[in-house]
Amino acid sequence: MTDTAAAPAQAAGKIVDINRIMKLLPHRYPFLLIDKLVNVTGEEGGTAIKNVTINEPFFQGHFPGRPVMPGVLLVEAMAQAAGAIVLTSRDDDAGKLVFFMSIDKCRFRKPVGPGDQVHFHVKLLQKRPPVWKYWAEAHVDGKKVAEAEIGAMLMDERGA
């Protein structure tokens, strides 16, 4: 994605609030890592927003005196954003879950800390149902802090 992907999320597209995200994803506190989806353009992509606060449970130990959001949680938030976008765009998948399947080309650029608002820009790379691949970038204040290629698989809730 180019730096234009870091543009404000007020561009045209669907907005998905936390109540709808909680209907789409099985994750709950403290593991639900996205607060809102904006600029969703079907399964093609969109932006998830995470408001990072000092109250996050991981800051107690990562790291005392220098709180940093763990990189693995940035990647998980990217995967949650991609999964929510897949499910938001589909009407025929009641009882389906999206499972994180792969991560490639992951890079961390800058630390994320309390008070940051992270924008996870995800863009569809490839689709071969039941598998979707997205390119995801995390931005804080318009600067890239992480990036990765995320693979996800749509499965029946019962595991079939």
N, C-alpha and C. Protein backbone atom coordinates (compact mmCIF):
# COMPACT_ATOMS: atom_id res chain seq x y z
N MET A 1 0.85 -1.18 0.00
CA MET A 1 0.00 0.00 0.00
C MET A 1 0.88 1.23 0.00
N THR A 2 0.37 2.28 -0.56
CA THR A 2 1.13 3.52 -0.59
C THR A 2 0.77 4.37 0.60
N ASP A 3 1.48 5.48 0.76
CA ASP A 3 1.20 6.38 1.87
C ASP A 3 -0.20 6.98 1.78
N THR A 4 -0.81 6.94 0.60
CA THR A 4 -2.18 7.44 0.50
C THR A 4 -3.13 6.59 1.31
N ALA A 5 -2.74 5.36 1.62
CA ALA A 5 -3.58 4.50 2.46
C ALA A 5 -3.69 5.05 3.87
N ALA A 6 -2.76 5.91 4.25
CA ALA A 6 -2.78 6.49 5.59
C ALA A 6 -3.67 7.72 5.65
N ALA A 7 -4.33 8.05 4.55
CA ALA A 7 -5.21 9.21 4.53
C ALA A 7 -6.33 9.03 5.55
N PRO A 8 -6.90 10.13 6.03
CA PRO A 8 -7.99 10.02 7.01
C PRO A 8 -9.09 9.10 6.52
N ALA A 9 -9.70 8.42 7.46
CA ALA A 9 -10.67 7.39 7.12
C ALA A 9 -12.06 7.95 6.84
N GLN A 10 -12.16 9.23 6.55
CA GLN A 10 -13.47 9.82 6.27
C GLN A 10 -13.92 9.56 4.83
N ALA A 11 -13.09 8.89 4.04
CA ALA A 11 -13.46 8.60 2.67
C ALA A 11 -14.74 7.76 2.64
N ALA A 12 -15.39 7.77 1.49
CA ALA A 12 -16.65 7.05 1.36
C ALA A 12 -16.45 5.57 1.64
N GLY A 13 -17.39 4.98 2.30
CA GLY A 13 -17.33 3.56 2.62
C GLY A 13 -18.16 3.29 3.86
N LYS A 14 -18.41 2.03 4.09
CA LYS A 14 -19.23 1.59 5.21
C LYS A 14 -18.50 1.76 6.54
N ILE A 15 -19.25 2.10 7.59
CA ILE A 15 -18.72 2.18 8.94
C ILE A 15 -19.36 1.07 9.76
N VAL A 16 -18.54 0.35 10.53
CA VAL A 16 -19.02 -0.75 11.35
C VAL A 16 -18.63 -0.45 12.79
N ASP A 17 -19.62 -0.34 13.67
CA ASP A 17 -19.33 0.00 15.07
C ASP A 17 -18.98 -1.24 15.89
N ILE A 18 -18.60 -1.01 17.14
CA ILE A 18 -18.13 -2.10 18.00
C ILE A 18 -19.21 -3.16 18.23
N ASN A 19 -20.48 -2.76 18.29
CA ASN A 19 -21.56 -3.74 18.50
C ASN A 19 -21.63 -4.72 17.33
N ARG A 20 -21.49 -4.23 16.12
CA ARG A 20 -21.52 -5.10 14.94
C ARG A 20 -20.25 -5.96 14.88
N ILE A 21 -19.10 -5.37 15.23
CA ILE A 21 -17.85 -6.14 15.25
C ILE A 21 -17.98 -7.32 16.20
N MET A 22 -18.62 -7.10 17.36
CA MET A 22 -18.78 -8.17 18.34
C MET A 22 -19.75 -9.25 17.85
N LYS A 23 -20.62 -8.93 16.90
CA LYS A 23 -21.47 -9.96 16.29
C LYS A 23 -20.71 -10.74 15.23
N LEU A 24 -19.72 -10.09 14.62
CA LEU A 24 -18.95 -10.73 13.55
C LEU A 24 -17.82 -11.61 14.10
N LEU A 25 -17.14 -11.13 15.15
CA LEU A 25 -15.97 -11.83 15.68
C LEU A 25 -16.27 -12.45 17.03
N PRO A 26 -15.69 -13.58 17.34
CA PRO A 26 -15.92 -14.21 18.65
C PRO A 26 -15.08 -13.60 19.78
N HIS A 27 -14.12 -12.77 19.45
CA HIS A 27 -13.20 -12.21 20.44
C HIS A 27 -13.92 -11.28 21.41
N ARG A 28 -13.44 -11.27 22.66
CA ARG A 28 -13.96 -10.38 23.69
C ARG A 28 -12.79 -9.85 24.50
N TYR A 29 -13.07 -8.86 25.34
CA TYR A 29 -12.04 -8.28 26.20
C TYR A 29 -11.36 -9.39 26.99
N PRO A 30 -10.07 -9.38 27.08
CA PRO A 30 -9.13 -8.36 26.61
C PRO A 30 -8.54 -8.65 25.24
N PHE A 31 -9.14 -9.55 24.46
CA PHE A 31 -8.53 -9.94 23.20
C PHE A 31 -9.20 -9.36 21.97
N LEU A 32 -10.29 -8.63 22.10
CA LEU A 32 -10.86 -7.92 20.96
C LEU A 32 -10.04 -6.66 20.77
N LEU A 33 -9.31 -6.57 19.67
CA LEU A 33 -8.30 -5.54 19.51
C LEU A 33 -8.64 -4.48 18.48
N ILE A 34 -9.86 -4.46 17.98
CA ILE A 34 -10.29 -3.37 17.10
C ILE A 34 -11.56 -2.77 17.67
N ASP A 35 -11.69 -1.45 17.54
CA ASP A 35 -12.82 -0.72 18.10
C ASP A 35 -13.86 -0.32 17.07
N LYS A 36 -13.44 -0.20 15.81
CA LYS A 36 -14.33 0.32 14.77
C LYS A 36 -13.74 0.01 13.41
N LEU A 37 -14.61 -0.18 12.43
CA LEU A 37 -14.19 -0.28 11.04
C LEU A 37 -14.74 0.93 10.29
N VAL A 38 -13.91 1.52 9.46
CA VAL A 38 -14.36 2.65 8.63
C VAL A 38 -13.89 2.43 7.20
N ASN A 39 -14.55 3.12 6.30
CA ASN A 39 -14.16 3.07 4.89
C ASN A 39 -14.12 1.65 4.35
N VAL A 40 -15.06 0.82 4.77
CA VAL A 40 -15.11 -0.57 4.30
C VAL A 40 -15.72 -0.59 2.90
N THR A 41 -15.00 -1.18 1.97
CA THR A 41 -15.46 -1.28 0.59
C THR A 41 -15.63 -2.75 0.23
N GLY A 42 -16.63 -3.38 0.88
CA GLY A 42 -16.85 -4.80 0.67
C GLY A 42 -15.65 -5.58 1.16
N GLU A 43 -15.39 -6.73 0.54
CA GLU A 43 -14.25 -7.53 0.96
C GLU A 43 -12.94 -7.00 0.39
N GLU A 44 -13.02 -5.94 -0.40
CA GLU A 44 -11.82 -5.35 -0.99
C GLU A 44 -10.92 -4.70 0.05
N GLY A 45 -11.50 -4.22 1.15
CA GLY A 45 -10.66 -3.63 2.17
C GLY A 45 -11.38 -2.63 3.04
N GLY A 46 -10.60 -1.97 3.86
CA GLY A 46 -11.13 -0.98 4.78
C GLY A 46 -10.09 -0.68 5.85
N THR A 47 -10.52 0.07 6.84
CA THR A 47 -9.62 0.49 7.92
C THR A 47 -10.26 0.17 9.25
N ALA A 48 -9.49 -0.47 10.12
CA ALA A 48 -9.92 -0.70 11.50
C ALA A 48 -9.18 0.29 12.39
N ILE A 49 -9.83 0.68 13.47
CA ILE A 49 -9.23 1.62 14.41
C ILE A 49 -9.14 0.98 15.78
N LYS A 50 -7.99 1.16 16.42
CA LYS A 50 -7.76 0.70 17.79
C LYS A 50 -7.28 1.90 18.60
N ASN A 51 -8.02 2.24 19.65
CA ASN A 51 -7.60 3.27 20.58
C ASN A 51 -6.82 2.60 21.70
N VAL A 52 -5.54 2.88 21.78
CA VAL A 52 -4.66 2.25 22.75
C VAL A 52 -4.65 3.09 24.03
N THR A 53 -5.01 2.48 25.16
CA THR A 53 -5.03 3.21 26.43
C THR A 53 -4.07 2.56 27.42
N ILE A 54 -3.70 3.31 28.43
CA ILE A 54 -2.80 2.80 29.47
C ILE A 54 -3.47 1.67 30.25
N ASN A 55 -4.79 1.53 30.15
CA ASN A 55 -5.53 0.48 30.85
C ASN A 55 -5.42 -0.89 30.19
N GLU A 56 -4.75 -0.99 29.05
CA GLU A 56 -4.61 -2.29 28.39
C GLU A 56 -3.86 -3.23 29.33
N PRO A 57 -4.33 -4.46 29.49
CA PRO A 57 -3.71 -5.38 30.46
C PRO A 57 -2.25 -5.72 30.13
N PHE A 58 -1.87 -5.71 28.86
CA PHE A 58 -0.51 -6.09 28.50
C PHE A 58 0.53 -5.06 28.94
N PHE A 59 0.11 -3.81 29.19
CA PHE A 59 1.08 -2.79 29.60
C PHE A 59 1.65 -3.04 30.99
N GLN A 60 0.97 -3.84 31.80
CA GLN A 60 1.50 -4.12 33.14
C GLN A 60 2.87 -4.79 33.08
N GLY A 61 3.09 -5.60 32.07
CA GLY A 61 4.35 -6.31 32.00
C GLY A 61 5.16 -6.04 30.74
N HIS A 62 4.65 -5.21 29.83
CA HIS A 62 5.33 -5.00 28.53
C HIS A 62 5.43 -3.52 28.22
N PHE A 63 6.26 -2.81 28.71
CA PHE A 63 7.31 -3.01 29.68
C PHE A 63 7.10 -2.01 30.80
N PRO A 64 7.28 -2.40 32.05
CA PRO A 64 7.14 -1.45 33.15
C PRO A 64 8.09 -0.26 32.96
N GLY A 65 7.54 0.93 33.06
CA GLY A 65 8.33 2.13 32.86
C GLY A 65 8.43 2.58 31.41
N ARG A 66 8.15 1.69 30.47
CA ARG A 66 8.17 2.02 29.03
C ARG A 66 7.14 1.16 28.32
N PRO A 67 5.84 1.50 28.53
CA PRO A 67 4.78 0.65 27.95
C PRO A 67 4.81 0.62 26.42
N VAL A 68 4.84 -0.60 25.87
CA VAL A 68 4.85 -0.81 24.43
C VAL A 68 3.83 -1.89 24.10
N MET A 69 2.98 -1.65 23.12
CA MET A 69 2.02 -2.67 22.67
C MET A 69 2.81 -3.78 21.98
N PRO A 70 2.64 -5.02 22.42
CA PRO A 70 3.38 -6.13 21.81
C PRO A 70 3.10 -6.25 20.30
N GLY A 71 4.16 -6.48 19.54
CA GLY A 71 4.02 -6.62 18.09
C GLY A 71 3.06 -7.72 17.70
N VAL A 72 3.07 -8.82 18.44
CA VAL A 72 2.17 -9.92 18.12
C VAL A 72 0.71 -9.48 18.22
N LEU A 73 0.40 -8.52 19.10
CA LEU A 73 -0.97 -8.01 19.21
C LEU A 73 -1.31 -7.05 18.07
N LEU A 74 -0.31 -6.35 17.55
CA LEU A 74 -0.55 -5.55 16.34
C LEU A 74 -0.92 -6.46 15.18
N VAL A 75 -0.21 -7.58 15.06
CA VAL A 75 -0.51 -8.55 14.00
C VAL A 75 -1.90 -9.15 14.21
N GLU A 76 -2.23 -9.50 15.44
CA GLU A 76 -3.56 -10.04 15.74
C GLU A 76 -4.64 -9.03 15.38
N ALA A 77 -4.41 -7.76 15.67
CA ALA A 77 -5.40 -6.72 15.32
C ALA A 77 -5.57 -6.62 13.81
N MET A 78 -4.47 -6.76 13.06
CA MET A 78 -4.56 -6.77 11.59
C MET A 78 -5.43 -7.95 11.14
N ALA A 79 -5.20 -9.12 11.74
CA ALA A 79 -5.97 -10.31 11.38
C ALA A 79 -7.44 -10.12 11.74
N GLN A 80 -7.74 -9.54 12.90
CA GLN A 80 -9.13 -9.28 13.28
C GLN A 80 -9.78 -8.31 12.30
N ALA A 81 -9.03 -7.29 11.88
CA ALA A 81 -9.57 -6.34 10.90
C ALA A 81 -9.91 -7.05 9.59
N ALA A 82 -8.99 -7.87 9.10
CA ALA A 82 -9.24 -8.61 7.85
C ALA A 82 -10.44 -9.54 8.00
N GLY A 83 -10.50 -10.28 9.12
CA GLY A 83 -11.62 -11.19 9.34
C GLY A 83 -12.95 -10.48 9.42
N ALA A 84 -13.00 -9.37 10.13
CA ALA A 84 -14.25 -8.61 10.24
C ALA A 84 -14.67 -8.06 8.88
N ILE A 85 -13.71 -7.64 8.06
CA ILE A 85 -14.04 -7.13 6.73
C ILE A 85 -14.60 -8.24 5.85
N VAL A 86 -14.00 -9.44 5.90
CA VAL A 86 -14.54 -10.57 5.13
C VAL A 86 -15.99 -10.82 5.53
N LEU A 87 -16.26 -10.91 6.83
CA LEU A 87 -17.61 -11.24 7.30
C LEU A 87 -18.61 -10.10 7.07
N THR A 88 -18.15 -8.87 7.13
CA THR A 88 -19.03 -7.72 6.89
C THR A 88 -19.56 -7.74 5.46
N SER A 89 -18.73 -8.22 4.54
CA SER A 89 -19.07 -8.16 3.13
C SER A 89 -19.95 -9.32 2.66
N ARG A 90 -20.23 -10.30 3.54
CA ARG A 90 -20.93 -11.50 3.11
C ARG A 90 -22.26 -11.65 3.85
N ASP A 91 -23.31 -11.95 3.10
CA ASP A 91 -24.63 -12.14 3.68
C ASP A 91 -24.97 -13.62 3.89
N ASP A 92 -24.25 -14.50 3.23
CA ASP A 92 -24.62 -15.91 3.19
C ASP A 92 -23.82 -16.79 4.15
N ASP A 93 -23.19 -16.18 5.14
CA ASP A 93 -22.30 -16.96 5.98
C ASP A 93 -22.66 -16.93 7.46
N ALA A 94 -23.93 -17.05 7.77
CA ALA A 94 -24.34 -17.15 9.17
C ALA A 94 -23.69 -18.38 9.76
N GLY A 95 -23.17 -18.26 10.98
CA GLY A 95 -22.52 -19.40 11.63
C GLY A 95 -21.11 -19.65 11.15
N LYS A 96 -20.52 -18.71 10.45
CA LYS A 96 -19.15 -18.86 9.96
C LYS A 96 -18.19 -18.07 10.84
N LEU A 97 -16.96 -18.57 10.95
CA LEU A 97 -15.88 -17.89 11.65
C LEU A 97 -14.71 -17.75 10.69
N VAL A 98 -13.92 -16.70 10.89
CA VAL A 98 -12.71 -16.50 10.10
C VAL A 98 -11.53 -16.83 11.00
N PHE A 99 -10.68 -17.76 10.55
CA PHE A 99 -9.52 -18.16 11.32
C PHE A 99 -8.25 -17.60 10.69
N PHE A 100 -7.39 -17.04 11.53
CA PHE A 100 -6.08 -16.54 11.14
C PHE A 100 -5.29 -17.74 10.64
N MET A 101 -4.76 -17.67 9.42
CA MET A 101 -4.13 -18.82 8.81
C MET A 101 -2.64 -18.64 8.57
N SER A 102 -2.25 -17.44 8.16
CA SER A 102 -0.83 -17.24 7.86
C SER A 102 -0.44 -15.79 8.01
N ILE A 103 0.85 -15.59 8.19
CA ILE A 103 1.43 -14.25 8.23
C ILE A 103 2.75 -14.30 7.47
N ASP A 104 2.92 -13.35 6.59
CA ASP A 104 4.14 -13.26 5.79
C ASP A 104 4.57 -11.80 5.72
N LYS A 105 5.83 -11.60 5.43
CA LYS A 105 6.39 -10.27 5.18
C LYS A 105 6.11 -9.28 6.30
N CYS A 106 6.12 -9.75 7.53
CA CYS A 106 5.81 -8.90 8.67
C CYS A 106 7.03 -8.05 9.04
N ARG A 107 6.77 -6.76 9.27
CA ARG A 107 7.81 -5.83 9.69
C ARG A 107 7.23 -4.89 10.74
N PHE A 108 8.03 -4.61 11.76
CA PHE A 108 7.65 -3.62 12.76
C PHE A 108 8.58 -2.42 12.60
N ARG A 109 8.00 -1.23 12.59
CA ARG A 109 8.78 -0.03 12.29
C ARG A 109 8.97 0.90 13.49
N LYS A 110 7.92 1.06 14.29
CA LYS A 110 7.97 1.97 15.44
C LYS A 110 7.11 1.39 16.55
N PRO A 111 7.46 1.67 17.81
CA PRO A 111 6.63 1.17 18.91
C PRO A 111 5.30 1.91 19.00
N VAL A 112 4.29 1.21 19.51
CA VAL A 112 2.96 1.77 19.75
C VAL A 112 2.77 1.79 21.26
N GLY A 113 2.28 2.92 21.78
CA GLY A 113 2.12 3.04 23.22
C GLY A 113 0.80 3.66 23.61
N PRO A 114 0.60 3.84 24.91
CA PRO A 114 -0.64 4.43 25.42
C PRO A 114 -0.89 5.81 24.79
N GLY A 115 -2.15 6.04 24.45
CA GLY A 115 -2.53 7.31 23.84
C GLY A 115 -2.52 7.29 22.32
N ASP A 116 -1.92 6.26 21.73
CA ASP A 116 -1.88 6.16 20.27
C ASP A 116 -3.22 5.66 19.74
N GLN A 117 -3.56 6.13 18.57
CA GLN A 117 -4.71 5.58 17.84
C GLN A 117 -4.13 4.91 16.60
N VAL A 118 -4.32 3.60 16.51
CA VAL A 118 -3.75 2.83 15.41
C VAL A 118 -4.82 2.64 14.34
N HIS A 119 -4.46 2.92 13.11
CA HIS A 119 -5.32 2.69 11.94
C HIS A 119 -4.73 1.51 11.18
N PHE A 120 -5.50 0.45 11.08
CA PHE A 120 -5.08 -0.75 10.37
C PHE A 120 -5.73 -0.74 8.99
N HIS A 121 -4.94 -0.44 7.98
CA HIS A 121 -5.44 -0.39 6.60
C HIS A 121 -5.26 -1.77 5.99
N VAL A 122 -6.33 -2.39 5.55
CA VAL A 122 -6.24 -3.71 4.94
C VAL A 122 -6.79 -3.67 3.52
N LYS A 123 -6.09 -4.36 2.63
CA LYS A 123 -6.46 -4.38 1.21
C LYS A 123 -6.38 -5.81 0.71
N LEU A 124 -7.42 -6.27 0.04
CA LEU A 124 -7.46 -7.63 -0.50
C LEU A 124 -6.37 -7.83 -1.55
N LEU A 125 -5.61 -8.91 -1.37
CA LEU A 125 -4.60 -9.30 -2.35
C LEU A 125 -5.09 -10.44 -3.23
N GLN A 126 -5.74 -11.43 -2.59
CA GLN A 126 -6.15 -12.64 -3.31
C GLN A 126 -7.33 -13.28 -2.60
N LYS A 127 -8.22 -13.85 -3.38
CA LYS A 127 -9.39 -14.52 -2.82
C LYS A 127 -9.62 -15.82 -3.57
N ARG A 128 -9.57 -16.92 -2.81
CA ARG A 128 -9.95 -18.24 -3.32
C ARG A 128 -10.72 -18.90 -2.20
N PRO A 129 -12.02 -18.60 -2.10
CA PRO A 129 -12.79 -19.13 -0.96
C PRO A 129 -12.52 -20.62 -0.77
N PRO A 130 -12.27 -20.99 0.46
CA PRO A 130 -12.52 -20.28 1.71
C PRO A 130 -11.34 -19.45 2.24
N VAL A 131 -10.33 -19.14 1.37
CA VAL A 131 -9.14 -18.42 1.84
C VAL A 131 -9.09 -17.03 1.22
N TRP A 132 -8.76 -16.05 2.08
CA TRP A 132 -8.55 -14.67 1.67
C TRP A 132 -7.16 -14.25 2.13
N LYS A 133 -6.46 -13.45 1.31
CA LYS A 133 -5.18 -12.87 1.70
C LYS A 133 -5.29 -11.36 1.60
N TYR A 134 -4.81 -10.70 2.66
CA TYR A 134 -4.84 -9.24 2.73
C TYR A 134 -3.45 -8.68 3.00
N TRP A 135 -3.19 -7.50 2.46
CA TRP A 135 -2.03 -6.73 2.87
C TRP A 135 -2.53 -5.77 3.93
N ALA A 136 -1.82 -5.71 5.06
CA ALA A 136 -2.24 -4.85 6.16
C ALA A 136 -1.09 -3.96 6.60
N GLU A 137 -1.43 -2.71 6.88
CA GLU A 137 -0.46 -1.76 7.42
C GLU A 137 -1.08 -1.10 8.64
N ALA A 138 -0.26 -0.92 9.67
CA ALA A 138 -0.68 -0.21 10.87
C ALA A 138 -0.02 1.16 10.85
N HIS A 139 -0.83 2.19 11.07
CA HIS A 139 -0.33 3.57 11.06
C HIS A 139 -0.74 4.27 12.35
N VAL A 140 0.17 5.10 12.87
CA VAL A 140 -0.11 6.00 13.99
C VAL A 140 0.29 7.39 13.53
N ASP A 141 -0.64 8.32 13.62
CA ASP A 141 -0.38 9.70 13.18
C ASP A 141 0.17 9.75 11.75
N GLY A 142 -0.37 8.87 10.88
CA GLY A 142 0.03 8.87 9.48
C GLY A 142 1.36 8.19 9.20
N LYS A 143 2.02 7.66 10.22
CA LYS A 143 3.31 6.99 10.03
C LYS A 143 3.14 5.49 10.19
N LYS A 144 3.74 4.74 9.27
CA LYS A 144 3.65 3.28 9.32
C LYS A 144 4.42 2.75 10.52
N VAL A 145 3.74 1.91 11.33
CA VAL A 145 4.38 1.30 12.49
C VAL A 145 4.56 -0.20 12.31
N ALA A 146 3.79 -0.82 11.42
CA ALA A 146 3.90 -2.25 11.18
C ALA A 146 3.21 -2.59 9.86
N GLU A 147 3.57 -3.74 9.30
CA GLU A 147 2.96 -4.21 8.06
C GLU A 147 3.07 -5.72 7.99
N ALA A 148 2.14 -6.34 7.27
CA ALA A 148 2.18 -7.80 7.11
C ALA A 148 1.17 -8.24 6.06
N GLU A 149 1.43 -9.41 5.50
CA GLU A 149 0.47 -10.09 4.64
C GLU A 149 -0.24 -11.11 5.52
N ILE A 150 -1.56 -11.03 5.55
CA ILE A 150 -2.38 -11.85 6.45
C ILE A 150 -3.23 -12.81 5.63
N GLY A 151 -3.21 -14.09 5.99
CA GLY A 151 -4.07 -15.09 5.37
C GLY A 151 -5.15 -15.51 6.35
N ALA A 152 -6.37 -15.66 5.85
CA ALA A 152 -7.50 -16.03 6.70
C ALA A 152 -8.36 -17.07 5.98
N MET A 153 -8.96 -17.96 6.78
CA MET A 153 -9.83 -19.00 6.22
C MET A 153 -11.20 -18.93 6.86
N LEU A 154 -12.23 -18.95 6.04
CA LEU A 154 -13.61 -18.95 6.49
C LEU A 154 -14.02 -20.40 6.73
N MET A 155 -14.50 -20.67 7.95
CA MET A 155 -14.91 -22.03 8.32
C MET A 155 -16.25 -22.02 9.02
N ASP A 156 -16.90 -23.15 9.00
CA ASP A 156 -18.13 -23.31 9.74
C ASP A 156 -17.83 -23.21 11.23
N GLU A 157 -18.75 -22.62 11.99
CA GLU A 157 -18.56 -22.42 13.43
C GLU A 157 -18.26 -23.73 14.15
N ARG A 158 -18.77 -24.82 13.64
CA ARG A 158 -18.56 -26.13 14.26
C ARG A 158 -17.24 -26.77 13.85
N GLY A 159 -16.44 -26.05 13.03
CA GLY A 159 -15.14 -26.57 12.63
C GLY A 159 -15.13 -27.32 11.34
N ALA A 160 -16.24 -27.37 10.65
CA ALA A 160 -16.30 -28.11 9.37
C ALA A 160 -15.89 -27.25 8.21
